[in-house]
Amino acid sequence: MEITVGDLERSQAFYAAVLGWAFEDSGPDYGHYRNALVAGRRVAGMSPPLEGVEDWPKVWTTYLATDDVEVTAERASAAGAQVVMEPMDIAAFGRVGLWVDPGGAAFGGWEALEHNGFGIHDEHGAVSWVDLVTPDLRAAKTFYRSVFGLSFEDLSVPGIGYATFTPAGAAWPAGGVGDQVDGDVAGPRWCVTFAVDDVDAAVQRVLDAGGSAPNDPVDTESGRIATVAGPDGEEFSLMTPSGGADLSEPG
């Protein structure tokens, strides 16, 4: 999970205040890319403004793990994806590619070498869940099944299509895929949810740090959740599991 921001110092201060992140500077050879850390373990990446592409979207980008990014690229293209960035090396850290799926949502593939993604998951300040918002749920399931081998469990209710997805060999779902609902003007996209100990307190920290919270937190079967925006207007969600669940356990 990573984001390119408009003002690196401002965004670091924001996420430090909201999620308790510390940051590790990768140095000048890597454009001062920052790894966000919780308890010394990586949870996300943050890139400073990129020269020549200052208009790069300020959004959280989801990278799905792959054992071979070249194979992923072939499968993605065969399944109708638009290429944003052909597979390339990121020094000794890994190999990466970027695409837009047939429904219009951008995503990445990451083949890990020295950098194997999240150091923790489902703990306070770390990624808890990801969702794909798509205009065609059936087509999205077909695409991600063929490219990444994901399996799906349908949880749709009347009027709203939704399914969770589980990577091959995993013991529990990693995210979901849902219909883009009427009035959702943000378009097809991957969305990230970070775990927090107290959603209401976290929303207040968002506001105090200069972000926005268009709607109050709501209670769901999974937990209490709020969708907020950071200093560049980037969307993300915050969630506390229902029943006071231990955030260190798989959710």
Protein backbone atom coordinates (compact mmCIF):
# COMPACT_ATOMS: atom_id res chain seq x y z
CA MET A 1 0.00 0.00 0.00
CA GLU A 2 1.50 3.35 -0.96
CA ILE A 3 0.67 6.94 -1.80
CA THR A 4 2.35 9.84 -3.59
CA VAL A 5 1.71 13.04 -1.63
CA GLY A 6 1.85 16.74 -2.43
CA ASP A 7 3.75 17.78 0.70
CA LEU A 8 5.81 15.05 2.33
CA GLU A 9 6.31 16.73 5.69
CA ARG A 10 2.61 17.62 5.99
CA SER A 11 1.48 14.09 5.16
CA GLN A 12 3.99 12.49 7.51
CA ALA A 13 2.76 14.70 10.35
CA PHE A 14 -0.86 13.86 9.51
CA TYR A 15 -0.45 10.08 9.51
CA ALA A 16 1.82 10.18 12.56
CA ALA A 17 -0.95 11.99 14.44
CA VAL A 18 -3.82 9.82 13.16
CA LEU A 19 -2.27 6.35 13.04
CA GLY A 20 0.90 6.69 15.11
CA TRP A 21 3.22 6.07 12.19
CA ALA A 22 6.97 6.60 12.29
CA PHE A 23 8.90 6.94 9.04
CA GLU A 24 12.05 5.51 7.54
CA ASP A 25 13.78 7.53 4.80
CA SER A 26 15.10 5.33 2.00
CA GLY A 27 17.65 8.01 1.08
CA PRO A 28 18.50 10.06 -2.00
CA ASP A 29 19.10 7.03 -4.23
CA TYR A 30 15.38 6.23 -3.91
CA GLY A 31 14.03 9.78 -4.05
CA HIS A 32 13.61 9.90 -0.27
CA TYR A 33 10.76 7.40 -0.46
CA ARG A 34 9.45 6.80 3.06
CA ASN A 35 8.43 3.53 4.66
CA ALA A 36 5.69 4.01 7.26
CA LEU A 37 6.31 1.97 10.40
CA VAL A 38 4.29 0.74 13.37
CA ALA A 39 6.43 -0.69 16.17
CA GLY A 40 9.34 -0.74 13.74
CA ARG A 41 7.50 -2.82 11.12
CA ARG A 42 6.47 -1.65 7.67
CA VAL A 43 2.79 -0.91 7.07
CA ALA A 44 2.79 1.36 3.98
CA GLY A 45 4.89 3.52 1.67
CA MET A 46 4.86 7.25 1.02
CA SER A 47 6.47 9.00 -1.92
CA PRO A 48 7.29 12.70 -2.12
CA PRO A 49 6.10 14.70 -5.15
CA LEU A 50 7.59 13.25 -8.32
CA GLU A 51 9.33 15.70 -10.66
CA GLY A 52 7.52 15.91 -13.96
CA VAL A 53 4.42 14.06 -12.77
CA GLU A 54 3.15 16.46 -10.13
CA ASP A 55 -0.40 15.69 -11.25
CA TRP A 56 -0.06 12.00 -10.29
CA PRO A 57 -3.27 11.09 -8.42
CA LYS A 58 -3.11 11.50 -4.65
CA VAL A 59 -4.71 8.17 -3.78
CA TRP A 60 -3.81 5.09 -1.80
CA THR A 61 -2.71 2.42 -4.28
CA THR A 62 -3.21 -1.26 -3.49
CA TYR A 63 -0.51 -3.72 -4.56
CA LEU A 64 -1.45 -7.40 -4.70
CA ALA A 65 1.32 -9.91 -4.10
CA THR A 66 2.55 -12.05 -6.96
CA ASP A 67 5.20 -14.74 -7.21
CA ASP A 68 6.04 -13.60 -10.75
CA VAL A 69 5.10 -10.10 -11.89
CA GLU A 70 5.84 -10.97 -15.52
CA VAL A 71 3.22 -13.72 -15.45
CA THR A 72 0.82 -11.33 -13.73
CA ALA A 73 1.42 -8.77 -16.49
CA GLU A 74 0.67 -11.35 -19.17
CA ARG A 75 -2.51 -12.49 -17.44
CA ALA A 76 -3.66 -8.93 -16.76
CA SER A 77 -3.22 -7.90 -20.40
CA ALA A 78 -4.92 -11.06 -21.62
CA ALA A 79 -7.86 -10.34 -19.32
CA GLY A 80 -8.30 -6.79 -20.64
CA ALA A 81 -6.22 -4.61 -18.29
CA GLN A 82 -4.66 -1.34 -19.42
CA VAL A 83 -0.92 -1.10 -18.74
CA VAL A 84 0.17 1.89 -16.65
CA MET A 85 3.71 0.68 -15.93
CA GLU A 86 5.39 -2.42 -17.32
CA PRO A 87 7.12 -4.66 -14.76
CA MET A 88 10.36 -3.15 -13.51
CA ASP A 89 12.94 -3.68 -10.77
CA ILE A 90 12.93 -1.57 -7.62
CA ALA A 91 16.58 -2.18 -6.77
CA ALA A 92 16.86 -5.28 -4.57
CA PHE A 93 13.47 -4.66 -2.94
CA GLY A 94 11.22 -6.29 -5.54
CA ARG A 95 9.57 -6.02 -8.95
CA VAL A 96 6.48 -3.97 -9.62
CA GLY A 97 3.86 -3.34 -12.28
CA LEU A 98 0.79 -1.10 -12.49
CA TRP A 99 -2.45 -1.59 -14.42
CA VAL A 100 -6.04 -0.41 -14.69
CA ASP A 101 -8.52 -3.28 -14.56
CA PRO A 102 -11.35 -3.56 -17.13
CA GLY A 103 -13.74 -1.83 -14.70
CA GLY A 104 -11.50 1.26 -14.44
CA ALA A 105 -9.75 0.67 -11.09
CA ALA A 106 -5.97 1.10 -10.85
CA PHE A 107 -3.91 -1.49 -8.96
CA GLY A 108 -0.39 -2.79 -8.70
CA GLY A 109 1.38 -6.14 -8.52
CA TRP A 110 4.39 -6.63 -6.25
CA GLU A 111 6.90 -9.48 -6.52
CA ALA A 112 8.81 -9.36 -3.25
CA LEU A 113 12.56 -9.71 -2.95
CA GLU A 114 14.00 -7.95 0.11
CA HIS A 115 10.77 -6.00 0.73
CA ASN A 116 7.91 -8.39 1.38
CA GLY A 117 5.13 -5.90 2.01
CA PHE A 118 3.30 -5.51 5.30
CA GLY A 119 5.23 -6.32 8.46
CA ILE A 120 1.98 -6.43 10.42
CA HIS A 121 -1.70 -6.60 9.59
CA ASP A 122 -4.90 -5.91 11.51
CA GLU A 123 -3.15 -4.10 14.34
CA HIS A 124 -3.67 -0.48 15.34
CA GLY A 125 -2.23 1.71 12.56
CA ALA A 126 -1.86 -1.15 10.06
CA VAL A 127 -3.93 -2.19 7.06
CA SER A 128 -6.96 -4.22 8.08
CA TRP A 129 -8.92 -4.62 4.86
CA VAL A 130 -9.06 -3.57 1.21
CA ASP A 131 -12.12 -3.19 -1.00
CA LEU A 132 -12.54 -2.88 -4.74
CA VAL A 133 -15.39 -0.62 -5.86
CA THR A 134 -16.44 -1.66 -9.36
CA PRO A 135 -19.24 -1.01 -11.85
CA ASP A 136 -19.38 -4.72 -12.80
CA LEU A 137 -19.00 -7.15 -9.91
CA ARG A 138 -19.18 -10.29 -12.02
CA ALA A 139 -16.54 -9.04 -14.46
CA ALA A 140 -14.26 -7.95 -11.61
CA LYS A 141 -14.44 -11.38 -9.98
CA THR A 142 -13.61 -13.04 -13.29
CA PHE A 143 -10.65 -10.70 -13.87
CA TYR A 144 -9.02 -11.05 -10.44
CA ARG A 145 -9.65 -14.79 -10.36
CA SER A 146 -7.86 -15.21 -13.68
CA VAL A 147 -4.96 -12.85 -12.84
CA PHE A 148 -4.29 -13.65 -9.16
CA GLY A 149 -6.15 -16.89 -8.53
CA LEU A 150 -8.44 -15.33 -5.92
CA SER A 151 -11.51 -17.20 -4.71
CA PHE A 152 -14.72 -15.39 -3.78
CA GLU A 153 -17.56 -15.82 -1.30
CA ASP A 154 -20.73 -14.00 -2.25
CA LEU A 155 -22.24 -11.87 0.53
CA SER A 156 -24.62 -9.85 -1.62
CA VAL A 157 -27.89 -8.52 -0.23
CA PRO A 158 -30.83 -7.23 -2.26
CA GLY A 159 -29.72 -4.15 -4.16
CA ILE A 160 -26.03 -4.39 -3.21
CA GLY A 161 -23.59 -6.90 -4.70
CA TYR A 162 -20.57 -7.79 -2.57
CA ALA A 163 -18.12 -10.67 -2.21
CA THR A 164 -15.06 -11.29 -0.07
CA PHE A 165 -11.88 -12.61 -1.69
CA THR A 166 -9.27 -15.01 -0.38
CA PRO A 167 -5.82 -15.58 -1.89
CA ALA A 168 -4.87 -19.16 -2.73
CA GLY A 169 -3.67 -20.95 0.39
CA ALA A 170 -4.83 -18.24 2.80
CA ALA A 171 -6.93 -19.09 5.86
CA TRP A 172 -9.18 -16.04 5.80
CA PRO A 173 -10.36 -13.32 3.39
CA ALA A 174 -8.05 -10.39 2.67
CA GLY A 175 -10.65 -7.99 1.25
CA GLY A 176 -13.81 -7.55 -0.72
CA VAL A 177 -15.27 -6.54 -4.07
CA GLY A 178 -18.47 -4.52 -4.22
CA ASP A 179 -20.81 -2.71 -6.57
CA GLN A 180 -20.29 0.99 -7.16
CA VAL A 181 -23.49 2.48 -5.77
CA ASP A 182 -25.53 5.34 -7.18
CA GLY A 183 -24.15 8.69 -6.08
CA ASP A 184 -20.58 7.43 -5.65
CA VAL A 185 -18.76 10.04 -7.71
CA ALA A 186 -15.24 8.85 -6.86
CA GLY A 187 -15.41 6.13 -9.50
CA PRO A 188 -13.99 2.62 -9.64
CA ARG A 189 -11.11 2.22 -7.20
CA TRP A 190 -9.38 0.14 -4.59
CA CYS A 191 -10.00 1.42 -1.05
CA VAL A 192 -7.94 0.80 2.09
CA THR A 193 -9.10 0.42 5.71
CA PHE A 194 -6.67 0.90 8.60
CA ALA A 195 -7.32 -0.69 11.99
CA VAL A 196 -7.60 1.62 14.99
CA ASP A 197 -8.35 1.04 18.66
CA ASP A 198 -11.10 3.68 18.78
CA VAL A 199 -12.70 4.92 15.54
CA ASP A 200 -14.36 7.96 17.08
CA ALA A 201 -11.12 9.14 18.66
CA ALA A 202 -9.27 8.49 15.39
CA VAL A 203 -11.80 10.55 13.41
CA GLN A 204 -11.24 13.43 15.80
CA ARG A 205 -7.49 13.11 15.21
CA VAL A 206 -8.14 13.29 11.46
CA LEU A 207 -10.01 16.57 11.93
CA ASP A 208 -7.44 17.99 14.34
CA ALA A 209 -4.62 17.15 11.89
CA GLY A 210 -6.26 18.90 8.94
CA GLY A 211 -8.15 16.06 7.27
CA SER A 212 -11.88 15.76 6.76
CA ALA A 213 -14.64 13.35 7.80
CA PRO A 214 -17.75 13.84 5.65
CA ASN A 215 -19.83 11.34 7.64
CA ASP A 216 -20.04 10.07 11.20
CA PRO A 217 -18.77 6.57 12.04
CA VAL A 218 -21.27 3.75 11.56
CA ASP A 219 -21.64 0.34 13.17
CA THR A 220 -21.48 -2.71 10.90
CA GLU A 221 -21.33 -6.46 11.51
CA SER A 222 -17.54 -6.27 11.15
CA GLY A 223 -17.06 -3.29 13.42
CA ARG A 224 -17.37 0.46 13.73
CA ILE A 225 -16.07 2.22 10.62
CA ALA A 226 -15.61 5.72 9.23
CA THR A 227 -14.42 6.91 5.82
CA VAL A 228 -12.25 10.01 6.00
CA ALA A 229 -9.83 12.00 3.83
CA GLY A 230 -6.22 13.04 4.31
CA PRO A 231 -4.42 16.31 3.54
CA ASP A 232 -4.41 15.73 -0.23
CA GLY A 233 -8.05 14.68 -0.20
CA GLU A 234 -7.11 10.99 -0.34
CA GLU A 235 -9.84 8.64 0.81
CA PHE A 236 -9.28 5.94 3.41
CA SER A 237 -11.28 4.24 6.14
CA LEU A 238 -10.73 3.55 9.82
CA MET A 239 -12.23 0.56 11.62
CA THR A 240 -12.42 -0.90 15.10
CA PRO A 241 -13.55 -4.54 15.02
CA SER A 242 -16.89 -5.35 16.63
CA GLY A 243 -17.02 -6.81 20.10
CA GLY A 244 -13.75 -5.25 21.17
CA ALA A 245 -11.78 -7.81 19.15
CA ASP A 246 -8.04 -8.07 19.63
CA LEU A 247 -6.54 -6.15 16.72
CA SER A 248 -3.62 -8.54 16.64
CA GLU A 249 -5.89 -11.41 15.57
CA PRO A 250 -6.97 -12.02 11.94
CA GLY A 251 -10.19 -10.11 11.29
